[in-house]
Amino acid sequence: MKKNKIQREKETVEEMIHIYCKWSKGDEALCPACTELLEYAKERLDRCPFGNNKSSCRKCPIHCYSPQMKQRIKEVMKVAGPRMLFVHPIMAIRHLIDEAKTPKR
């Protein structure tokens, strides 16, 4: 069964947060702060007004993350993004292709 874009994005952000938490905290399990961020990110994706036609969050004209959460997810992306190519290369490449294909709104 083909996954929709929202589901793929949820899986990608979850993997990125796991990588970040493991790298920064050294623990396999998510810490409470990373668990909170993951739940927040998934909720934002569930409420995306563009649904499966969404652009990447970075290119989106609607800023649905609070400033604090936006800063936290940026830190996760900065740390986990490069590592995704080694840990989950197919997921990382698919995410980059999706981002390249979607025009800025």
N, C-alpha and C. Protein backbone atom coordinates (compact mmCIF):
# COMPACT_ATOMS: atom_id res chain seq x y z
N MET A 1 0.83 -1.19 0.00
CA MET A 1 0.00 0.00 0.00
C MET A 1 0.88 1.25 0.00
N LYS A 2 0.60 2.17 -0.90
CA LYS A 2 1.37 3.40 -1.00
C LYS A 2 0.99 4.35 0.13
N LYS A 3 2.00 4.90 0.79
CA LYS A 3 1.76 5.83 1.90
C LYS A 3 1.51 7.22 1.35
N ASN A 4 0.65 7.96 2.02
CA ASN A 4 0.42 9.33 1.59
C ASN A 4 1.55 10.22 2.11
N LYS A 5 1.60 11.41 1.59
CA LYS A 5 2.69 12.33 1.91
C LYS A 5 2.74 12.69 3.39
N ILE A 6 1.59 12.89 4.00
CA ILE A 6 1.55 13.22 5.43
C ILE A 6 2.15 12.08 6.24
N GLN A 7 1.78 10.85 5.94
CA GLN A 7 2.30 9.69 6.66
C GLN A 7 3.82 9.58 6.49
N ARG A 8 4.30 9.79 5.28
CA ARG A 8 5.75 9.74 5.04
C ARG A 8 6.46 10.84 5.83
N GLU A 9 5.88 12.02 5.87
CA GLU A 9 6.51 13.11 6.62
C GLU A 9 6.53 12.82 8.12
N LYS A 10 5.46 12.23 8.62
CA LYS A 10 5.43 11.85 10.04
C LYS A 10 6.54 10.85 10.35
N GLU A 11 6.71 9.86 9.49
CA GLU A 11 7.75 8.85 9.70
C GLU A 11 9.14 9.48 9.62
N THR A 12 9.31 10.40 8.68
CA THR A 12 10.61 11.06 8.53
C THR A 12 10.94 11.90 9.75
N VAL A 13 9.99 12.71 10.21
CA VAL A 13 10.27 13.56 11.36
C VAL A 13 10.49 12.71 12.62
N GLU A 14 9.78 11.60 12.71
CA GLU A 14 9.99 10.71 13.87
C GLU A 14 11.41 10.14 13.86
N GLU A 15 11.86 9.69 12.72
CA GLU A 15 13.23 9.16 12.63
C GLU A 15 14.26 10.24 12.93
N MET A 16 14.01 11.44 12.43
CA MET A 16 14.95 12.53 12.67
C MET A 16 15.02 12.89 14.15
N ILE A 17 13.89 12.90 14.81
CA ILE A 17 13.89 13.21 16.24
C ILE A 17 14.57 12.09 17.02
N HIS A 18 14.38 10.85 16.62
CA HIS A 18 15.08 9.73 17.28
C HIS A 18 16.59 9.87 17.11
N ILE A 19 17.03 10.19 15.91
CA ILE A 19 18.47 10.37 15.66
C ILE A 19 19.00 11.51 16.53
N TYR A 20 18.29 12.62 16.54
CA TYR A 20 18.72 13.78 17.32
C TYR A 20 18.83 13.44 18.80
N CYS A 21 17.80 12.80 19.33
CA CYS A 21 17.77 12.50 20.76
C CYS A 21 18.89 11.53 21.13
N LYS A 22 19.08 10.52 20.30
CA LYS A 22 20.15 9.56 20.57
C LYS A 22 21.51 10.24 20.50
N TRP A 23 21.70 11.10 19.51
CA TRP A 23 22.97 11.78 19.35
C TRP A 23 23.23 12.78 20.49
N SER A 24 22.22 13.53 20.87
CA SER A 24 22.43 14.58 21.88
C SER A 24 22.34 14.06 23.31
N LYS A 25 21.54 13.02 23.55
CA LYS A 25 21.35 12.52 24.91
C LYS A 25 22.03 11.16 25.14
N GLY A 26 22.32 10.46 24.04
CA GLY A 26 22.99 9.17 24.15
C GLY A 26 22.09 8.03 24.61
N ASP A 27 20.77 8.22 24.53
CA ASP A 27 19.84 7.20 24.99
C ASP A 27 19.00 6.70 23.83
N GLU A 28 18.64 5.43 23.85
CA GLU A 28 17.81 4.86 22.79
C GLU A 28 16.37 5.38 22.83
N ALA A 29 15.85 5.57 24.04
CA ALA A 29 14.47 6.03 24.20
C ALA A 29 14.41 7.55 24.07
N LEU A 30 13.29 8.05 23.57
CA LEU A 30 13.13 9.50 23.47
C LEU A 30 12.99 10.11 24.86
N CYS A 31 13.65 11.24 25.06
CA CYS A 31 13.49 11.98 26.30
C CYS A 31 12.13 12.68 26.27
N PRO A 32 11.65 13.18 27.40
CA PRO A 32 10.35 13.87 27.42
C PRO A 32 10.27 15.06 26.47
N ALA A 33 11.34 15.83 26.35
CA ALA A 33 11.31 17.00 25.46
C ALA A 33 11.18 16.58 24.00
N CYS A 34 11.89 15.53 23.61
CA CYS A 34 11.80 15.04 22.23
C CYS A 34 10.46 14.37 21.96
N THR A 35 9.91 13.70 22.95
CA THR A 35 8.58 13.11 22.81
C THR A 35 7.55 14.20 22.60
N GLU A 36 7.67 15.28 23.36
CA GLU A 36 6.75 16.42 23.21
C GLU A 36 6.87 17.02 21.81
N LEU A 37 8.08 17.19 21.32
CA LEU A 37 8.30 17.75 19.99
C LEU A 37 7.72 16.84 18.91
N LEU A 38 7.91 15.55 19.05
CA LEU A 38 7.36 14.59 18.07
C LEU A 38 5.84 14.65 18.03
N GLU A 39 5.21 14.66 19.18
CA GLU A 39 3.75 14.73 19.23
C GLU A 39 3.26 16.05 18.62
N TYR A 40 3.96 17.13 18.90
CA TYR A 40 3.61 18.43 18.34
C TYR A 40 3.73 18.42 16.82
N ALA A 41 4.83 17.87 16.30
CA ALA A 41 5.05 17.83 14.85
C ALA A 41 3.98 16.99 14.16
N LYS A 42 3.64 15.86 14.75
CA LYS A 42 2.60 15.01 14.15
C LYS A 42 1.25 15.70 14.17
N GLU A 43 0.96 16.42 15.24
CA GLU A 43 -0.31 17.16 15.31
C GLU A 43 -0.35 18.24 14.24
N ARG A 44 0.74 18.94 14.05
CA ARG A 44 0.81 19.98 13.01
C ARG A 44 0.58 19.36 11.64
N LEU A 45 1.17 18.20 11.38
CA LEU A 45 0.99 17.53 10.09
C LEU A 45 -0.46 17.08 9.91
N ASP A 46 -1.07 16.59 10.98
CA ASP A 46 -2.48 16.18 10.90
C ASP A 46 -3.39 17.35 10.56
N ARG A 47 -3.01 18.53 10.99
CA ARG A 47 -3.85 19.72 10.78
C ARG A 47 -3.45 20.55 9.58
N CYS A 48 -2.52 20.07 8.78
CA CYS A 48 -2.05 20.84 7.63
C CYS A 48 -3.21 21.11 6.68
N PRO A 49 -3.49 22.38 6.38
CA PRO A 49 -4.62 22.69 5.49
C PRO A 49 -4.39 22.24 4.05
N PHE A 50 -3.16 21.96 3.67
CA PHE A 50 -2.86 21.53 2.31
C PHE A 50 -2.93 20.02 2.15
N GLY A 51 -2.99 19.29 3.26
CA GLY A 51 -3.09 17.83 3.21
C GLY A 51 -1.96 17.21 2.41
N ASN A 52 -2.29 16.24 1.58
CA ASN A 52 -1.28 15.55 0.79
C ASN A 52 -0.74 16.39 -0.37
N ASN A 53 -1.26 17.58 -0.56
CA ASN A 53 -0.75 18.49 -1.58
C ASN A 53 0.21 19.51 -0.97
N LYS A 54 0.63 19.26 0.24
CA LYS A 54 1.48 20.22 0.96
C LYS A 54 2.86 20.31 0.34
N SER A 55 3.46 21.47 0.51
CA SER A 55 4.86 21.63 0.16
C SER A 55 5.66 21.20 1.38
N SER A 56 6.96 21.31 1.31
CA SER A 56 7.72 21.03 2.53
C SER A 56 7.42 22.16 3.52
N CYS A 57 7.52 21.86 4.77
CA CYS A 57 7.20 22.87 5.79
C CYS A 57 8.09 24.10 5.64
N ARG A 58 9.32 23.87 5.20
CA ARG A 58 10.24 24.99 5.04
C ARG A 58 9.77 25.96 3.96
N LYS A 59 9.06 25.46 2.94
CA LYS A 59 8.59 26.31 1.84
C LYS A 59 7.16 26.81 2.04
N CYS A 60 6.54 26.44 3.12
CA CYS A 60 5.12 26.75 3.33
C CYS A 60 4.91 28.21 3.76
N PRO A 61 3.87 28.87 3.22
CA PRO A 61 3.59 30.25 3.62
C PRO A 61 2.90 30.34 4.99
N ILE A 62 2.35 29.24 5.47
CA ILE A 62 1.68 29.22 6.77
C ILE A 62 2.68 28.72 7.80
N HIS A 63 2.92 29.52 8.81
CA HIS A 63 3.85 29.13 9.86
C HIS A 63 3.06 28.61 11.04
N CYS A 64 2.82 27.29 11.05
CA CYS A 64 1.95 26.71 12.06
C CYS A 64 2.70 26.30 13.33
N TYR A 65 4.01 26.31 13.30
CA TYR A 65 4.79 25.99 14.50
C TYR A 65 4.93 27.25 15.35
N SER A 66 4.86 27.09 16.66
CA SER A 66 5.13 28.21 17.55
C SER A 66 6.62 28.54 17.40
N PRO A 67 7.02 29.76 17.71
CA PRO A 67 8.44 30.13 17.56
C PRO A 67 9.38 29.19 18.33
N GLN A 68 8.99 28.79 19.53
CA GLN A 68 9.84 27.90 20.34
C GLN A 68 9.98 26.52 19.68
N MET A 69 8.86 25.97 19.22
CA MET A 69 8.90 24.66 18.58
C MET A 69 9.61 24.72 17.23
N LYS A 70 9.46 25.83 16.53
CA LYS A 70 10.15 26.00 15.25
C LYS A 70 11.66 25.97 15.48
N GLN A 71 12.11 26.63 16.52
CA GLN A 71 13.54 26.64 16.84
C GLN A 71 14.02 25.23 17.20
N ARG A 72 13.22 24.52 17.96
CA ARG A 72 13.60 23.15 18.36
C ARG A 72 13.68 22.22 17.15
N ILE A 73 12.70 22.31 16.23
CA ILE A 73 12.71 21.42 15.07
C ILE A 73 13.86 21.79 14.13
N LYS A 74 14.21 23.07 14.06
CA LYS A 74 15.37 23.47 13.25
C LYS A 74 16.64 22.83 13.79
N GLU A 75 16.78 22.80 15.10
CA GLU A 75 17.96 22.17 15.72
C GLU A 75 18.00 20.68 15.40
N VAL A 76 16.83 20.03 15.47
CA VAL A 76 16.75 18.61 15.12
C VAL A 76 17.18 18.40 13.68
N MET A 77 16.66 19.22 12.76
CA MET A 77 16.98 19.08 11.34
C MET A 77 18.47 19.30 11.09
N LYS A 78 19.04 20.26 11.77
CA LYS A 78 20.46 20.57 11.60
C LYS A 78 21.33 19.39 12.01
N VAL A 79 20.98 18.74 13.11
CA VAL A 79 21.76 17.61 13.61
C VAL A 79 21.43 16.33 12.85
N ALA A 80 20.14 16.04 12.69
CA ALA A 80 19.73 14.75 12.14
C ALA A 80 19.75 14.69 10.62
N GLY A 81 19.56 15.82 9.96
CA GLY A 81 19.50 15.84 8.51
C GLY A 81 20.66 15.14 7.84
N PRO A 82 21.90 15.55 8.11
CA PRO A 82 23.04 14.89 7.47
C PRO A 82 23.17 13.41 7.87
N ARG A 83 22.80 13.07 9.08
CA ARG A 83 22.90 11.68 9.55
C ARG A 83 21.85 10.78 8.91
N MET A 84 20.73 11.37 8.47
CA MET A 84 19.68 10.59 7.83
C MET A 84 20.19 9.88 6.58
N LEU A 85 21.12 10.50 5.86
CA LEU A 85 21.66 9.89 4.65
C LEU A 85 22.37 8.58 4.95
N PHE A 86 22.89 8.43 6.16
CA PHE A 86 23.59 7.20 6.53
C PHE A 86 22.68 6.22 7.26
N VAL A 87 21.74 6.73 8.04
CA VAL A 87 20.87 5.88 8.84
C VAL A 87 19.67 5.39 8.04
N HIS A 88 19.04 6.30 7.29
CA HIS A 88 17.85 5.99 6.48
C HIS A 88 17.99 6.65 5.11
N PRO A 89 18.90 6.15 4.27
CA PRO A 89 19.18 6.84 3.01
C PRO A 89 17.97 6.96 2.08
N ILE A 90 17.16 5.93 1.97
CA ILE A 90 16.00 5.99 1.06
C ILE A 90 15.01 7.04 1.55
N MET A 91 14.75 7.04 2.85
CA MET A 91 13.83 8.02 3.43
C MET A 91 14.36 9.44 3.22
N ALA A 92 15.66 9.62 3.42
CA ALA A 92 16.26 10.94 3.27
C ALA A 92 16.19 11.42 1.82
N ILE A 93 16.50 10.54 0.89
CA ILE A 93 16.46 10.92 -0.52
C ILE A 93 15.03 11.21 -0.96
N ARG A 94 14.09 10.40 -0.52
CA ARG A 94 12.68 10.65 -0.86
C ARG A 94 12.24 12.01 -0.33
N HIS A 95 12.65 12.35 0.87
CA HIS A 95 12.30 13.65 1.45
C HIS A 95 12.90 14.79 0.62
N LEU A 96 14.15 14.63 0.22
CA LEU A 96 14.80 15.67 -0.60
C LEU A 96 14.12 15.80 -1.96
N ILE A 97 13.72 14.69 -2.56
CA ILE A 97 13.02 14.74 -3.85
C ILE A 97 11.67 15.42 -3.69
N ASP A 98 10.92 15.06 -2.64
CA ASP A 98 9.62 15.70 -2.38
C ASP A 98 9.79 17.20 -2.23
N GLU A 99 10.83 17.60 -1.50
CA GLU A 99 11.06 19.03 -1.29
C GLU A 99 11.42 19.74 -2.59
N ALA A 100 12.22 19.10 -3.41
CA ALA A 100 12.63 19.70 -4.69
C ALA A 100 11.46 19.81 -5.66
N LYS A 101 10.54 18.85 -5.61
CA LYS A 101 9.42 18.83 -6.55
C LYS A 101 8.33 19.86 -6.20
N THR A 102 8.25 20.25 -4.96
CA THR A 102 7.15 21.15 -4.58
C THR A 102 7.59 22.60 -4.67
N PRO A 103 6.82 23.39 -5.40
CA PRO A 103 7.16 24.82 -5.51
C PRO A 103 6.87 25.54 -4.20
N LYS A 104 7.58 26.63 -4.00
CA LYS A 104 7.30 27.46 -2.83
C LYS A 104 5.95 28.13 -3.03
N ARG A 105 5.12 28.07 -2.00
CA ARG A 105 3.78 28.67 -2.08
C ARG A 105 3.82 30.13 -1.77
